[in-house]
Amino acid sequence: MGFDAIWISPIIDNRDGGYHGYWGRNLNKLNDHFGTEKDFVDFVSTCHSRGILVMVDVVANHMGNLDTNFAVNTPFNNASHYHDYCEITDQDFATHNQNRI
């Protein structure tokens, strides 16, 4: 096909019901729907042997919680790792931005 790179969805373990990599539960474990760690290493090695780069999408700014039970996250399993809960509304953007503080 002529391409020389593959960009794949995040491969981290997802919370139940998550399938696409964006509902992270454990950053230190692979999503078992994508195979084993050896499967991934073999995949990358095979791609590299054919001159194909592999990019893995990484979502570093959130976990997949639907509630405030942070104990289910690894390694960010404590509420102190997160900002306080706040709701952001259109009014916030109208009155609190870099030009109007």
N, C-alpha and C. Protein backbone atom coordinates (compact mmCIF):
# COMPACT_ATOMS: atom_id res chain seq x y z
N MET A 1 0.80 -1.19 0.00
CA MET A 1 0.00 0.00 0.00
C MET A 1 0.85 1.26 0.00
N GLY A 2 2.11 1.15 0.38
CA GLY A 2 2.99 2.31 0.33
C GLY A 2 3.09 3.12 1.60
N PHE A 3 2.37 2.78 2.65
CA PHE A 3 2.49 3.58 3.86
C PHE A 3 3.69 3.11 4.67
N ASP A 4 4.21 4.02 5.52
CA ASP A 4 5.38 3.67 6.30
C ASP A 4 5.19 3.92 7.79
N ALA A 5 3.94 4.11 8.21
CA ALA A 5 3.65 4.28 9.64
C ALA A 5 2.22 3.82 9.93
N ILE A 6 2.04 3.34 11.15
CA ILE A 6 0.72 2.94 11.64
C ILE A 6 0.49 3.66 12.96
N TRP A 7 -0.67 4.26 13.10
CA TRP A 7 -1.04 4.94 14.34
C TRP A 7 -2.19 4.17 14.95
N ILE A 8 -1.97 3.63 16.16
CA ILE A 8 -3.00 2.80 16.79
C ILE A 8 -3.59 3.47 18.02
N SER A 9 -4.78 3.04 18.39
CA SER A 9 -5.45 3.55 19.58
C SER A 9 -4.64 3.22 20.82
N PRO A 10 -4.91 3.91 21.94
CA PRO A 10 -4.21 3.59 23.19
C PRO A 10 -4.39 2.11 23.53
N ILE A 11 -3.35 1.52 24.08
CA ILE A 11 -3.37 0.09 24.37
C ILE A 11 -3.47 -0.22 25.85
N ILE A 12 -3.72 0.80 26.68
CA ILE A 12 -3.79 0.57 28.13
C ILE A 12 -5.09 -0.12 28.51
N ASP A 13 -5.07 -0.75 29.67
CA ASP A 13 -6.25 -1.40 30.22
C ASP A 13 -7.36 -0.38 30.42
N ASN A 14 -8.56 -0.72 30.00
CA ASN A 14 -9.72 0.17 30.09
C ASN A 14 -10.70 -0.29 31.16
N ARG A 15 -11.48 0.65 31.67
CA ARG A 15 -12.53 0.28 32.62
C ARG A 15 -13.55 -0.59 31.88
N ASP A 16 -14.36 -1.31 32.63
CA ASP A 16 -15.36 -2.19 32.03
C ASP A 16 -16.25 -1.40 31.08
N GLY A 17 -16.46 -1.94 29.92
CA GLY A 17 -17.27 -1.27 28.90
C GLY A 17 -16.45 -0.42 27.95
N GLY A 18 -15.23 -0.09 28.32
CA GLY A 18 -14.36 0.69 27.45
C GLY A 18 -13.66 -0.22 26.46
N TYR A 19 -13.57 0.20 25.24
CA TYR A 19 -12.97 -0.66 24.22
C TYR A 19 -11.98 0.07 23.34
N HIS A 20 -11.96 1.39 23.40
CA HIS A 20 -11.19 2.16 22.43
C HIS A 20 -9.92 2.77 22.99
N GLY A 21 -9.63 2.54 24.27
CA GLY A 21 -8.40 3.02 24.85
C GLY A 21 -8.49 4.33 25.59
N TYR A 22 -9.64 4.98 25.56
CA TYR A 22 -9.76 6.30 26.17
C TYR A 22 -10.46 6.26 27.53
N TRP A 23 -10.72 5.08 28.07
CA TRP A 23 -11.31 4.95 29.40
C TRP A 23 -10.30 4.24 30.30
N GLY A 24 -9.13 4.81 30.43
CA GLY A 24 -8.03 4.18 31.14
C GLY A 24 -8.35 3.81 32.58
N ARG A 25 -7.88 2.63 32.96
CA ARG A 25 -8.04 2.13 34.33
C ARG A 25 -6.67 1.84 34.92
N ASN A 26 -5.80 1.23 34.12
CA ASN A 26 -4.48 0.85 34.62
C ASN A 26 -3.45 1.18 33.54
N LEU A 27 -2.66 2.21 33.81
CA LEU A 27 -1.67 2.65 32.83
C LEU A 27 -0.50 1.68 32.70
N ASN A 28 -0.39 0.73 33.63
CA ASN A 28 0.73 -0.21 33.63
C ASN A 28 0.36 -1.57 33.04
N LYS A 29 -0.84 -1.69 32.49
CA LYS A 29 -1.30 -2.97 31.96
C LYS A 29 -1.89 -2.76 30.56
N LEU A 30 -1.67 -3.73 29.68
CA LEU A 30 -2.24 -3.65 28.35
C LEU A 30 -3.71 -4.09 28.36
N ASN A 31 -4.48 -3.52 27.46
CA ASN A 31 -5.86 -3.93 27.26
C ASN A 31 -5.85 -5.34 26.68
N ASP A 32 -6.43 -6.30 27.38
CA ASP A 32 -6.34 -7.69 26.92
C ASP A 32 -7.14 -7.95 25.64
N HIS A 33 -7.98 -7.01 25.22
CA HIS A 33 -8.67 -7.15 23.94
C HIS A 33 -7.70 -7.02 22.77
N PHE A 34 -6.52 -6.42 23.02
CA PHE A 34 -5.53 -6.23 21.98
C PHE A 34 -4.45 -7.30 22.00
N GLY A 35 -4.58 -8.30 22.86
CA GLY A 35 -3.58 -9.36 22.95
C GLY A 35 -2.68 -9.18 24.15
N THR A 36 -1.58 -9.91 24.12
CA THR A 36 -0.63 -9.90 25.22
C THR A 36 0.49 -8.91 24.95
N GLU A 37 1.32 -8.71 25.96
CA GLU A 37 2.49 -7.85 25.78
C GLU A 37 3.40 -8.42 24.69
N LYS A 38 3.56 -9.74 24.67
CA LYS A 38 4.38 -10.38 23.63
C LYS A 38 3.78 -10.15 22.25
N ASP A 39 2.44 -10.22 22.13
CA ASP A 39 1.80 -9.94 20.84
C ASP A 39 2.15 -8.54 20.36
N PHE A 40 2.13 -7.58 21.30
CA PHE A 40 2.43 -6.19 20.93
C PHE A 40 3.89 -6.04 20.50
N VAL A 41 4.79 -6.65 21.27
CA VAL A 41 6.22 -6.59 20.93
C VAL A 41 6.45 -7.23 19.56
N ASP A 42 5.82 -8.37 19.31
CA ASP A 42 5.96 -9.03 18.00
C ASP A 42 5.41 -8.16 16.88
N PHE A 43 4.27 -7.52 17.12
CA PHE A 43 3.67 -6.63 16.13
C PHE A 43 4.62 -5.49 15.76
N VAL A 44 5.14 -4.82 16.78
CA VAL A 44 6.05 -3.70 16.55
C VAL A 44 7.32 -4.17 15.86
N SER A 45 7.87 -5.30 16.30
CA SER A 45 9.08 -5.83 15.68
C SER A 45 8.87 -6.17 14.21
N THR A 46 7.72 -6.79 13.91
CA THR A 46 7.41 -7.13 12.52
C THR A 46 7.26 -5.87 11.67
N CYS A 47 6.57 -4.87 12.21
CA CYS A 47 6.44 -3.60 11.48
C CYS A 47 7.80 -2.98 11.22
N HIS A 48 8.64 -2.92 12.25
CA HIS A 48 9.95 -2.32 12.10
C HIS A 48 10.80 -3.07 11.08
N SER A 49 10.66 -4.40 11.05
CA SER A 49 11.45 -5.18 10.09
C SER A 49 11.05 -4.88 8.66
N ARG A 50 9.87 -4.30 8.48
CA ARG A 50 9.39 -3.93 7.14
C ARG A 50 9.47 -2.42 6.89
N GLY A 51 10.17 -1.72 7.81
CA GLY A 51 10.34 -0.28 7.63
C GLY A 51 9.11 0.53 7.97
N ILE A 52 8.23 -0.04 8.79
CA ILE A 52 7.00 0.66 9.19
C ILE A 52 7.12 1.11 10.64
N LEU A 53 6.91 2.39 10.87
CA LEU A 53 6.90 2.94 12.23
C LEU A 53 5.55 2.67 12.88
N VAL A 54 5.55 2.55 14.21
CA VAL A 54 4.31 2.34 14.96
C VAL A 54 4.18 3.47 15.97
N MET A 55 3.09 4.21 15.88
CA MET A 55 2.79 5.27 16.85
C MET A 55 1.61 4.80 17.69
N VAL A 56 1.73 4.92 19.00
CA VAL A 56 0.65 4.55 19.91
C VAL A 56 0.05 5.83 20.48
N ASP A 57 -1.24 6.00 20.30
CA ASP A 57 -1.92 7.16 20.86
C ASP A 57 -1.87 7.07 22.38
N VAL A 58 -1.56 8.18 23.02
CA VAL A 58 -1.46 8.25 24.48
C VAL A 58 -2.38 9.34 24.98
N VAL A 59 -3.20 9.02 25.96
CA VAL A 59 -4.09 10.00 26.56
C VAL A 59 -3.58 10.25 27.98
N ALA A 60 -2.84 11.32 28.13
CA ALA A 60 -2.17 11.57 29.41
C ALA A 60 -2.94 12.47 30.36
N ASN A 61 -4.07 12.98 29.94
CA ASN A 61 -4.73 13.99 30.77
C ASN A 61 -5.99 13.52 31.48
N HIS A 62 -6.33 12.24 31.39
CA HIS A 62 -7.51 11.78 32.13
C HIS A 62 -7.52 10.26 32.27
N MET A 63 -8.34 9.81 33.22
CA MET A 63 -8.60 8.38 33.38
C MET A 63 -10.07 8.18 33.02
N GLY A 64 -10.53 6.93 33.06
CA GLY A 64 -11.86 6.62 32.57
C GLY A 64 -12.96 6.56 33.61
N ASN A 65 -12.81 7.30 34.70
CA ASN A 65 -13.83 7.26 35.75
C ASN A 65 -15.15 7.85 35.30
N LEU A 66 -16.22 7.24 35.77
CA LEU A 66 -17.55 7.82 35.62
C LEU A 66 -18.04 8.36 36.95
N ASP A 67 -17.23 8.25 37.98
CA ASP A 67 -17.58 8.73 39.31
C ASP A 67 -16.29 9.19 40.00
N THR A 68 -16.34 9.38 41.30
CA THR A 68 -15.15 9.84 42.02
C THR A 68 -14.47 8.72 42.80
N ASN A 69 -14.66 7.48 42.38
CA ASN A 69 -13.97 6.35 43.01
C ASN A 69 -12.60 6.21 42.35
N PHE A 70 -11.64 6.96 42.85
CA PHE A 70 -10.31 6.98 42.26
C PHE A 70 -9.50 5.75 42.61
N ALA A 71 -9.95 4.95 43.57
CA ALA A 71 -9.22 3.75 43.98
C ALA A 71 -9.09 2.74 42.84
N VAL A 72 -9.95 2.83 41.84
CA VAL A 72 -9.91 1.86 40.73
C VAL A 72 -8.84 2.20 39.69
N ASN A 73 -8.18 3.33 39.83
CA ASN A 73 -7.16 3.76 38.86
C ASN A 73 -5.77 3.34 39.30
N THR A 74 -4.95 2.94 38.35
CA THR A 74 -3.55 2.64 38.62
C THR A 74 -2.70 3.40 37.61
N PRO A 75 -1.75 4.20 38.02
CA PRO A 75 -1.28 4.42 39.37
C PRO A 75 -1.93 5.61 40.08
N PHE A 76 -2.84 6.30 39.44
CA PHE A 76 -3.43 7.52 40.03
C PHE A 76 -4.68 7.16 40.82
N ASN A 77 -4.49 6.48 41.96
CA ASN A 77 -5.59 5.92 42.72
C ASN A 77 -5.99 6.73 43.95
N ASN A 78 -5.66 8.01 43.95
CA ASN A 78 -5.97 8.85 45.09
C ASN A 78 -6.55 10.18 44.59
N ALA A 79 -7.57 10.67 45.28
CA ALA A 79 -8.22 11.92 44.87
C ALA A 79 -7.23 13.08 44.81
N SER A 80 -6.15 13.03 45.59
CA SER A 80 -5.18 14.13 45.60
C SER A 80 -4.44 14.26 44.26
N HIS A 81 -4.54 13.26 43.41
CA HIS A 81 -3.92 13.34 42.09
C HIS A 81 -4.73 14.18 41.10
N TYR A 82 -5.92 14.61 41.50
CA TYR A 82 -6.85 15.27 40.59
C TYR A 82 -7.24 16.64 41.11
N HIS A 83 -7.71 17.49 40.20
CA HIS A 83 -8.26 18.79 40.59
C HIS A 83 -9.57 18.58 41.31
N ASP A 84 -9.96 19.57 42.12
CA ASP A 84 -11.27 19.53 42.74
C ASP A 84 -12.34 19.53 41.66
N TYR A 85 -13.46 18.92 41.97
CA TYR A 85 -14.58 18.90 41.02
C TYR A 85 -15.08 20.32 40.80
N CYS A 86 -15.32 20.66 39.56
CA CYS A 86 -15.91 21.95 39.25
C CYS A 86 -16.65 21.83 37.93
N GLU A 87 -17.72 22.57 37.81
CA GLU A 87 -18.45 22.59 36.56
C GLU A 87 -18.02 23.81 35.76
N ILE A 88 -17.79 23.63 34.50
CA ILE A 88 -17.41 24.72 33.62
C ILE A 88 -18.62 25.04 32.75
N THR A 89 -19.00 26.30 32.76
CA THR A 89 -20.17 26.73 32.00
C THR A 89 -19.77 27.76 30.95
N ASP A 90 -20.68 28.07 30.07
CA ASP A 90 -20.41 29.12 29.08
C ASP A 90 -20.09 30.44 29.77
N GLN A 91 -20.73 30.71 30.89
CA GLN A 91 -20.50 31.95 31.62
C GLN A 91 -19.05 32.05 32.09
N ASP A 92 -18.43 30.93 32.46
CA ASP A 92 -17.04 30.95 32.88
C ASP A 92 -16.14 31.49 31.77
N PHE A 93 -16.41 31.06 30.54
CA PHE A 93 -15.59 31.50 29.42
C PHE A 93 -15.86 32.96 29.09
N ALA A 94 -17.06 33.42 29.34
CA ALA A 94 -17.40 34.81 29.04
C ALA A 94 -16.77 35.78 30.05
N THR A 95 -16.55 35.32 31.29
CA THR A 95 -16.08 36.25 32.33
C THR A 95 -14.70 35.94 32.86
N HIS A 96 -14.18 34.75 32.68
CA HIS A 96 -12.88 34.39 33.25
C HIS A 96 -11.98 33.82 32.15
N ASN A 97 -11.35 34.69 31.43
CA ASN A 97 -10.40 34.24 30.41
C ASN A 97 -9.17 35.14 30.47
N GLN A 98 -8.24 34.98 29.56
CA GLN A 98 -6.99 35.72 29.66
C GLN A 98 -7.16 37.22 29.51
N ASN A 99 -8.26 37.65 28.91
CA ASN A 99 -8.49 39.08 28.74
C ASN A 99 -9.35 39.67 29.84
N ARG A 100 -10.16 38.86 30.51
CA ARG A 100 -11.05 39.35 31.56
C ARG A 100 -10.93 38.44 32.77
N ILE A 101 -10.28 38.93 33.80
CA ILE A 101 -10.06 38.12 35.00
C ILE A 101 -10.92 38.64 36.13
